Protein backbone atom coordinates (compact mmCIF):
# COMPACT_ATOMS: atom_id res chain seq x y z
CA MET A 1 5.80 167.71 46.25
CA SER A 2 5.35 164.44 47.71
CA GLY A 3 1.89 164.98 48.73
CA SER A 4 2.17 162.92 52.24
CA MET A 5 0.58 164.40 55.30
CA SER A 6 3.62 162.96 57.41
CA ARG A 7 5.56 165.87 59.47
CA ALA A 8 8.61 165.20 57.35
CA ASP A 9 6.83 165.68 53.98
CA LEU A 10 4.90 168.72 55.08
CA THR A 11 8.12 170.20 56.57
CA ALA A 12 9.89 169.63 53.32
CA ASP A 13 7.35 171.14 51.23
CA PHE A 14 7.02 174.16 53.44
CA GLU A 15 10.69 174.81 53.33
CA ALA A 16 10.51 174.79 49.77
CA ALA A 17 7.66 177.30 49.57
CA LEU A 18 9.73 179.67 51.64
CA HIS A 19 12.33 179.70 49.07
CA ASP A 20 15.27 181.96 50.03
CA ALA A 21 13.41 183.25 53.02
CA ILE A 22 14.13 179.96 54.83
CA SER A 23 17.69 181.17 55.64
CA ILE A 24 15.77 183.65 58.31
CA PHE A 25 14.68 180.45 60.17
CA ASN A 26 18.08 178.71 60.18
CA ALA A 27 18.61 179.38 63.74
CA ASP A 28 17.49 181.56 66.92
CA ARG A 29 18.02 184.96 65.43
CA THR A 30 17.18 187.05 68.60
CA SER A 31 20.78 187.51 69.36
CA ALA A 32 20.95 189.58 65.85
CA PHE A 33 18.33 192.18 67.16
CA ASP A 34 18.96 195.31 69.06
CA GLU A 35 18.86 194.79 72.88
CA ASP A 36 15.71 196.84 73.34
CA ILE A 37 13.54 194.75 70.93
CA ALA A 38 15.24 191.27 71.44
CA ALA A 39 12.83 190.26 74.18
CA ALA A 40 9.71 191.07 72.03
CA VAL A 41 11.14 189.15 69.27
CA LYS A 42 11.93 186.31 71.37
CA ALA A 43 8.48 186.23 72.76
CA ALA A 44 6.53 186.59 69.34
CA GLY A 45 9.13 185.32 66.70
CA PRO A 46 10.95 182.22 66.12
CA THR A 47 12.36 180.72 69.10
CA GLY A 48 13.61 177.41 67.93
CA SER A 49 17.26 176.97 67.69
CA THR A 50 17.29 174.90 64.34
CA LYS A 51 15.75 175.27 61.11
CA GLU A 52 13.63 172.14 61.56
CA GLU A 53 12.38 173.32 65.06
CA ASN A 54 11.15 176.59 63.53
CA LEU A 55 9.37 174.87 60.45
CA SER A 56 7.69 172.48 62.94
CA ARG A 57 6.61 175.19 65.43
CA MET A 58 5.12 177.16 62.49
CA LEU A 59 3.41 173.91 61.30
CA ASN A 60 1.88 173.38 64.56
CA ILE A 61 0.53 176.91 64.65
CA ALA A 62 -1.05 176.47 61.22
CA ALA A 63 -2.54 173.12 62.23
CA LEU A 64 -3.97 174.73 65.42
CA ASP A 65 -5.75 177.53 63.52
CA PHE A 66 -7.37 174.86 61.39
CA SER A 67 -9.26 173.91 64.75
CA ARG A 68 -11.29 177.10 64.44
CA TYR A 69 -12.67 176.13 60.96
CA ARG A 70 -12.54 172.36 60.64
CA GLN A 71 -14.04 171.19 63.68
CA ARG A 72 -13.08 167.63 65.21
CA HIS A 73 -16.17 166.74 67.22
CA MET A 74 -15.21 164.13 69.93
CA TYR A 75 -16.67 162.98 73.22
CA GLY A 76 -15.39 162.33 76.61
CA GLN A 77 -16.65 161.60 80.07
CA LEU A 78 -15.74 162.35 83.56
CA ALA A 79 -16.38 160.39 86.87
CA LEU A 80 -17.74 163.24 89.24
CA GLN A 81 -17.10 163.50 93.09
CA ALA A 82 -19.05 165.39 95.53
CA GLY A 83 -17.30 168.53 96.47
CA VAL A 84 -14.79 168.41 93.44
CA ASN A 85 -15.01 171.20 90.87
CA LEU A 86 -11.87 170.67 88.92
CA TYR A 87 -11.22 167.71 86.64
CA PRO A 88 -8.40 167.18 84.08
CA ALA A 89 -9.34 168.15 80.30
CA PRO A 90 -8.41 165.96 77.47
CA ASP A 91 -5.03 166.82 75.95
CA ASP A 92 -6.40 167.31 72.72
CA LEU A 93 -9.44 169.72 73.76
CA TYR A 94 -9.75 172.84 71.93
CA LEU A 95 -13.40 174.16 72.82
CA TYR A 96 -15.73 172.69 75.31
CA ILE A 97 -19.30 172.42 73.94
CA GLY A 98 -21.57 170.84 76.36
CA SER A 99 -23.25 168.07 78.21
CA ASP A 100 -26.71 166.35 78.40
CA TRP A 101 -26.13 165.36 82.12
CA GLY A 102 -29.16 166.11 84.32
CA ARG A 103 -31.17 167.38 81.47
CA GLN A 104 -33.32 164.35 80.95
CA ALA A 105 -34.36 164.51 84.47
CA ALA A 106 -35.06 168.17 84.36
CA ARG A 107 -37.07 168.03 81.36
CA ASP A 108 -39.28 164.92 82.37
CA GLU A 109 -40.11 166.01 85.86
CA PRO A 110 -38.78 169.54 86.73
CA TRP A 111 -41.33 169.71 89.59
CA ASN A 112 -39.67 166.73 91.54
CA LEU A 113 -36.08 168.14 91.34
CA PRO A 114 -34.98 169.56 94.46
CA ARG A 115 -34.51 173.53 94.36
CA ALA A 116 -30.79 172.92 94.72
CA LEU A 117 -30.57 171.07 91.53
CA ARG A 118 -32.55 173.40 89.38
CA HIS A 119 -29.81 175.79 88.83
CA PRO A 120 -27.74 175.26 85.60
CA MET A 121 -23.92 174.02 86.08
CA VAL A 122 -21.47 175.92 84.20
CA VAL A 123 -18.38 174.07 82.70
CA GLU A 124 -15.37 176.14 81.43
CA LEU A 125 -11.87 175.42 80.53
CA LEU A 126 -9.00 176.56 82.88
CA GLU A 127 -5.38 176.90 82.21
CA THR A 128 -3.20 177.21 85.24
CA GLY A 129 -0.07 176.18 86.65
CA VAL A 130 3.71 175.89 85.90
CA PRO A 131 4.00 173.74 83.97
CA ALA A 132 0.47 174.72 82.60
CA GLN A 133 -2.36 172.39 83.36
CA ARG A 134 -5.58 172.32 81.50
CA LEU A 135 -8.74 171.60 83.42
CA LEU A 136 -12.58 171.59 83.28
CA ARG A 137 -13.91 173.72 86.13
CA PHE A 138 -17.56 173.14 87.36
CA SER A 139 -19.40 176.03 88.92
CA PRO A 140 -21.20 175.26 91.15
CA GLY A 141 -19.36 172.09 91.68
CA PRO A 142 -21.28 168.78 91.83
CA THR A 143 -22.76 167.99 95.34
CA SER A 144 -23.91 164.45 96.56
CA GLN A 145 -27.49 165.30 95.79
CA HIS A 146 -26.50 166.08 92.19
CA LEU A 147 -24.70 162.57 91.93
CA ILE A 148 -27.71 160.60 93.44
CA VAL A 149 -30.16 162.17 90.85
CA PHE A 150 -28.13 162.62 87.90
CA GLY A 151 -25.29 159.87 88.39
CA VAL A 152 -21.63 160.06 88.78
CA THR A 153 -20.73 159.72 85.07
CA PHE A 154 -20.67 163.34 83.17
CA PRO A 155 -20.80 162.68 79.51
CA TYR A 156 -19.78 165.59 77.46
CA SER A 157 -18.65 166.69 73.88
CA TYR A 158 -15.93 168.84 72.65
CA ASP A 159 -13.95 170.17 69.60
CA ALA A 160 -10.40 168.81 69.54
CA ARG A 161 -7.59 170.34 68.18
CA HIS A 162 -5.84 169.50 64.99
CA VAL A 163 -2.33 167.93 64.96
CA ILE A 164 0.44 167.04 62.61
CA GLY A 165 1.69 163.52 63.17
CA ASP A 166 4.92 162.08 62.64
CA ASP A 167 3.32 159.64 60.29
CA ALA A 168 0.53 160.49 57.88
CA THR A 169 -1.98 158.67 59.71
CA GLY A 170 -1.38 160.61 62.76
CA THR A 171 -2.13 164.01 60.91
CA THR A 172 -6.03 165.04 61.62
CA ILE A 173 -6.11 167.46 58.69
CA ARG A 174 -7.51 166.11 55.73
CA PRO A 175 -5.32 165.38 52.54
CA GLU A 176 -7.34 167.67 50.48
CA ASP A 177 -6.61 170.73 52.86
CA ARG A 178 -2.95 170.24 52.55
CA ASP A 179 -2.35 173.27 50.20
CA LEU A 180 -4.34 175.07 52.66
CA LEU A 181 -2.41 174.07 55.54
CA LEU A 182 0.85 175.22 53.76
CA LEU A 183 -0.66 178.30 52.94
CA ARG A 184 -1.27 179.02 56.47
CA ALA A 185 2.21 178.00 57.72
CA VAL A 186 3.67 180.25 55.06
CA THR A 187 1.39 182.94 56.40
CA GLU A 188 2.62 182.44 59.66
CA ALA A 189 6.41 182.72 58.48
CA LEU A 190 5.68 185.99 56.92
CA ARG A 191 4.05 187.16 60.10
CA GLU A 192 7.41 186.58 62.03
CA ILE A 193 9.60 188.01 59.25
CA SER A 194 7.30 191.07 59.41
CA LEU A 195 8.04 191.45 63.04
CA ARG A 196 11.84 191.01 62.30
CA ASP A 197 11.73 193.61 59.78
CA ALA A 198 9.18 195.90 61.42
CA TRP A 199 11.42 198.96 61.11
CA LYS A 200 12.57 198.48 57.74
CA PRO A 201 11.02 197.44 54.24
CA GLY A 202 11.41 193.76 53.51
CA ARG A 203 13.29 193.15 50.26
CA MET A 204 12.81 189.79 48.59
CA ARG A 205 14.64 189.23 45.42
CA ASP A 206 13.83 186.56 42.73
CA GLY A 207 17.36 185.73 41.79
CA LEU A 208 16.85 187.39 38.40
CA ASN A 209 16.02 190.92 38.92
CA ALA A 210 18.32 192.62 41.47
CA SER A 211 15.65 195.32 42.37
CA PRO A 212 13.59 194.88 45.49
CA ARG A 213 9.82 194.48 45.10
CA ASN A 214 7.31 196.91 45.94
CA GLN A 215 5.73 195.36 49.18
CA THR A 216 6.79 195.31 52.69
CA MET A 217 6.67 192.09 54.51
CA SER A 218 3.79 193.03 56.44
CA ALA A 219 1.74 193.96 53.20
CA LEU A 220 2.85 190.33 51.97
CA TYR A 221 1.59 188.90 55.27
CA GLU A 222 -1.81 190.71 55.00
CA LYS A 223 -2.18 189.60 51.40
CA PHE A 224 -1.58 185.97 52.31
CA ARG A 225 -3.85 186.11 55.46
CA THR A 226 -6.80 187.52 53.14
CA GLU A 227 -6.02 184.65 50.73
CA TRP A 228 -6.07 182.22 53.69
CA ASP A 229 -9.22 183.64 55.19
CA MET A 230 -11.16 183.53 51.71
CA ARG A 231 -9.99 180.01 50.88
CA ILE A 232 -10.64 178.42 54.38
CA ASN A 233 -14.25 179.97 54.46
CA ARG A 234 -14.56 179.24 50.73
CA VAL A 235 -15.23 182.77 49.93
CA ALA A 236 -14.78 183.52 46.07
CA ALA A 237 -12.10 186.02 45.67
């Protein structure tokens, strides 16, 4: 294995880790299914038209799952407007954390705050529209009184999504977590293969022994998923 964190090198090692199972992802395979399950497979299984697209998509899913465990703490700010409660969210936002906007004034002289400013303002991530838009929604929206007392600049913190870059420098996952990333990608591949073979046992052969192994693909998926959960949480097996 090359060891680089670039998309090309990760894809090559991911493909090698799948062995003969890579043939399943060579093309869009929904056309090979019975009509009554084709729609479900298309929605939940491989949707790329080439092997490279399918491998890249599963690597992206693996990187996104890292965001739950390896947080990337980032900061942003918004220029608030009175009466406006929707603002564009950062492209890499995974989880909104919070803001200290207005808290200093509320702590120092709460008795001087107008009653309308004493209620906490809730900020949540909203995904809407086609194509999808990711917005930060304020509830209630800021008023002119908020902006006069607290200021128009709204600083906030958030956790950013992990991504895989074309170059190693564009990949946000640490090199020491490379094996974990590939493990999660292989686990995702097994999940999709188990969906493909949901009605029949998976038969993986090693090329030396003609008899099928004793585990279904869904059982292999569960085994790999358990290993991923333990290793990402650093739990001893």
